[in-house]
Amino acid sequence: MVRQIPYGKVTTYGAIAARLGSSGSARMVGWALNSKKYRLDDLPAHRVVNRKGLLTGKRYFGGSDIMAQLLQSEGIEVKNDQIQNLEKYLWVP
């Protein structure tokens, strides 16, 4: 599902969980993304944010601004570790 997120768009942990038929399991999606069996360079995991657009997964990118930089390089507006105008960039699977 994460590989399907279009360039320049983001989705939420909850939207992925809902699409997979598990509406209350947004945390499980986060845990799966942070699992050691996935390499972040194989998945565009930087495109997955929380329901408020916060970059809650940034610590898995080395705790720096890499997640924000990746999003900004795709034209997504990020300020203070939060997607601005989330509705504009939101992709619902």
C-alpha atoms as a PDB file:
ATOM      1  CA  MET A   1       0.000   0.000   0.000  1.00  0.00           C
ATOM      2  CA  VAL A   2       2.809   2.442   0.886  1.00  0.00           C
ATOM      3  CA  ARG A   3       4.453   1.877  -2.496  1.00  0.00           C
ATOM      4  CA  GLN A   4       1.219   3.082  -4.134  1.00  0.00           C
ATOM      5  CA  ILE A   5       1.285   6.551  -2.549  1.00  0.00           C
ATOM      6  CA  PRO A   6       1.804   8.953  -5.461  1.00  0.00           C
ATOM      7  CA  TYR A   7       4.774  11.308  -5.628  1.00  0.00           C
ATOM      8  CA  GLY A   8       3.818  14.637  -4.046  1.00  0.00           C
ATOM      9  CA  LYS A   9       1.082  13.095  -1.895  1.00  0.00           C
ATOM     10  CA  VAL A  10       0.860  11.759   1.657  1.00  0.00           C
ATOM     11  CA  THR A  11      -1.482   9.455   3.480  1.00  0.00           C
ATOM     12  CA  THR A  12      -2.082   8.621   7.114  1.00  0.00           C
ATOM     13  CA  TYR A  13      -1.484   5.519   9.187  1.00  0.00           C
ATOM     14  CA  GLY A  14      -5.230   5.398   9.819  1.00  0.00           C
ATOM     15  CA  ALA A  15      -6.134   5.627   6.125  1.00  0.00           C
ATOM     16  CA  ILE A  16      -3.878   2.664   5.377  1.00  0.00           C
ATOM     17  CA  ALA A  17      -5.360   0.695   8.279  1.00  0.00           C
ATOM     18  CA  ALA A  18      -8.907   1.475   7.143  1.00  0.00           C
ATOM     19  CA  ARG A  19      -8.127   0.404   3.574  1.00  0.00           C
ATOM     20  CA  LEU A  20      -6.740  -2.867   4.910  1.00  0.00           C
ATOM     21  CA  GLY A  21      -9.979  -3.378   6.851  1.00  0.00           C
ATOM     22  CA  SER A  22      -8.539  -2.616  10.254  1.00  0.00           C
ATOM     23  CA  SER A  23      -9.855   0.853  11.090  1.00  0.00           C
ATOM     24  CA  GLY A  24      -8.592   0.941  14.673  1.00  0.00           C
ATOM     25  CA  SER A  25      -5.077  -0.210  13.908  1.00  0.00           C
ATOM     26  CA  ALA A  26      -3.191   2.895  12.814  1.00  0.00           C
ATOM     27  CA  ARG A  27      -0.498   2.081  15.371  1.00  0.00           C
ATOM     28  CA  MET A  28      -0.040  -1.360  13.854  1.00  0.00           C
ATOM     29  CA  VAL A  29       0.654   0.279  10.499  1.00  0.00           C
ATOM     30  CA  GLY A  30       3.314   2.420  12.171  1.00  0.00           C
ATOM     31  CA  TRP A  31       4.836  -0.590  13.885  1.00  0.00           C
ATOM     32  CA  ALA A  32       4.900  -2.496  10.593  1.00  0.00           C
ATOM     33  CA  LEU A  33       6.622   0.390   8.817  1.00  0.00           C
ATOM     34  CA  ASN A  34       9.197   0.597  11.576  1.00  0.00           C
ATOM     35  CA  SER A  35       9.840  -3.135  11.547  1.00  0.00           C
ATOM     36  CA  LYS A  36      13.407  -4.168  10.840  1.00  0.00           C
ATOM     37  CA  LYS A  37      12.221  -6.426   8.014  1.00  0.00           C
ATOM     38  CA  TYR A  38      11.482  -3.371   5.847  1.00  0.00           C
ATOM     39  CA  ARG A  39      14.182  -1.047   4.643  1.00  0.00           C
ATOM     40  CA  LEU A  40      12.968   2.524   4.504  1.00  0.00           C
ATOM     41  CA  ASP A  41      14.850   3.136   1.286  1.00  0.00           C
ATOM     42  CA  ASP A  42      12.650   0.459  -0.334  1.00  0.00           C
ATOM     43  CA  LEU A  43       9.421   2.189   0.713  1.00  0.00           C
ATOM     44  CA  PRO A  44       8.321   5.825   0.442  1.00  0.00           C
ATOM     45  CA  ALA A  45       7.547   5.726   4.176  1.00  0.00           C
ATOM     46  CA  HIS A  46       8.225   9.461   4.403  1.00  0.00           C
ATOM     47  CA  ARG A  47       4.796   9.890   2.762  1.00  0.00           C
ATOM     48  CA  VAL A  48       2.960   8.433   5.782  1.00  0.00           C
ATOM     49  CA  VAL A  49       1.995  10.895   8.530  1.00  0.00           C
ATOM     50  CA  ASN A  50      -0.423  10.949  11.413  1.00  0.00           C
ATOM     51  CA  ARG A  51      -4.033  12.118  11.044  1.00  0.00           C
ATOM     52  CA  LYS A  52      -3.066  15.705  11.849  1.00  0.00           C
ATOM     53  CA  GLY A  53      -0.263  15.745   9.305  1.00  0.00           C
ATOM     54  CA  LEU A  54       2.487  15.515  11.912  1.00  0.00           C
ATOM     55  CA  LEU A  55       5.739  13.838  10.915  1.00  0.00           C
ATOM     56  CA  THR A  56       5.567  11.355  13.774  1.00  0.00           C
ATOM     57  CA  GLY A  57       7.789   8.842  11.958  1.00  0.00           C
ATOM     58  CA  LYS A  58      10.719  11.209  11.534  1.00  0.00           C
ATOM     59  CA  ARG A  59      12.820   9.518  14.223  1.00  0.00           C
ATOM     60  CA  TYR A  60      13.087   6.473  11.971  1.00  0.00           C
ATOM     61  CA  PHE A  61      14.850   8.627   9.414  1.00  0.00           C
ATOM     62  CA  GLY A  62      17.708   9.319  11.792  1.00  0.00           C
ATOM     63  CA  GLY A  63      15.854  11.842  13.961  1.00  0.00           C
ATOM     64  CA  SER A  64      16.869  14.684  11.701  1.00  0.00           C
ATOM     65  CA  ASP A  65      14.947  16.687   9.131  1.00  0.00           C
ATOM     66  CA  ILE A  66      15.337  14.045   6.432  1.00  0.00           C
ATOM     67  CA  MET A  67      11.624  13.197   6.390  1.00  0.00           C
ATOM     68  CA  ALA A  68      10.661  16.859   6.018  1.00  0.00           C
ATOM     69  CA  GLN A  69      13.318  17.377   3.347  1.00  0.00           C
ATOM     70  CA  LEU A  70      12.074  14.398   1.332  1.00  0.00           C
ATOM     71  CA  LEU A  71       8.508  15.702   1.471  1.00  0.00           C
ATOM     72  CA  GLN A  72       9.563  19.235   0.582  1.00  0.00           C
ATOM     73  CA  SER A  73      11.562  17.911  -2.382  1.00  0.00           C
ATOM     74  CA  GLU A  74       8.243  16.542  -3.677  1.00  0.00           C
ATOM     75  CA  GLY A  75       6.612  19.975  -3.357  1.00  0.00           C
ATOM     76  CA  ILE A  76       4.789  19.232  -0.093  1.00  0.00           C
ATOM     77  CA  GLU A  77       4.603  22.178   2.274  1.00  0.00           C
ATOM     78  CA  VAL A  78       6.022  21.306   5.724  1.00  0.00           C
ATOM     79  CA  LYS A  79       6.369  23.677   8.657  1.00  0.00           C
ATOM     80  CA  ASN A  80       7.371  22.756  12.222  1.00  0.00           C
ATOM     81  CA  ASP A  81       7.221  19.021  11.384  1.00  0.00           C
ATOM     82  CA  GLN A  82       3.637  19.251  10.127  1.00  0.00           C
ATOM     83  CA  ILE A  83       2.149  19.091   6.636  1.00  0.00           C
ATOM     84  CA  GLN A  84       0.515  22.401   5.802  1.00  0.00           C
ATOM     85  CA  ASN A  85      -2.815  22.190   3.961  1.00  0.00           C
ATOM     86  CA  LEU A  86      -3.017  18.432   4.541  1.00  0.00           C
ATOM     87  CA  GLU A  87      -6.223  18.185   2.491  1.00  0.00           C
ATOM     88  CA  LYS A  88      -4.323  19.412  -0.576  1.00  0.00           C
ATOM     89  CA  TYR A  89      -1.712  16.649  -0.361  1.00  0.00           C
ATOM     90  CA  LEU A  90      -3.789  13.834   1.129  1.00  0.00           C
ATOM     91  CA  TRP A  91      -4.123  10.606  -0.851  1.00  0.00           C
ATOM     92  CA  VAL A  92      -6.758   8.190   0.423  1.00  0.00           C
ATOM     93  CA  PRO A  93      -6.062   4.614  -0.665  1.00  0.00           C
END
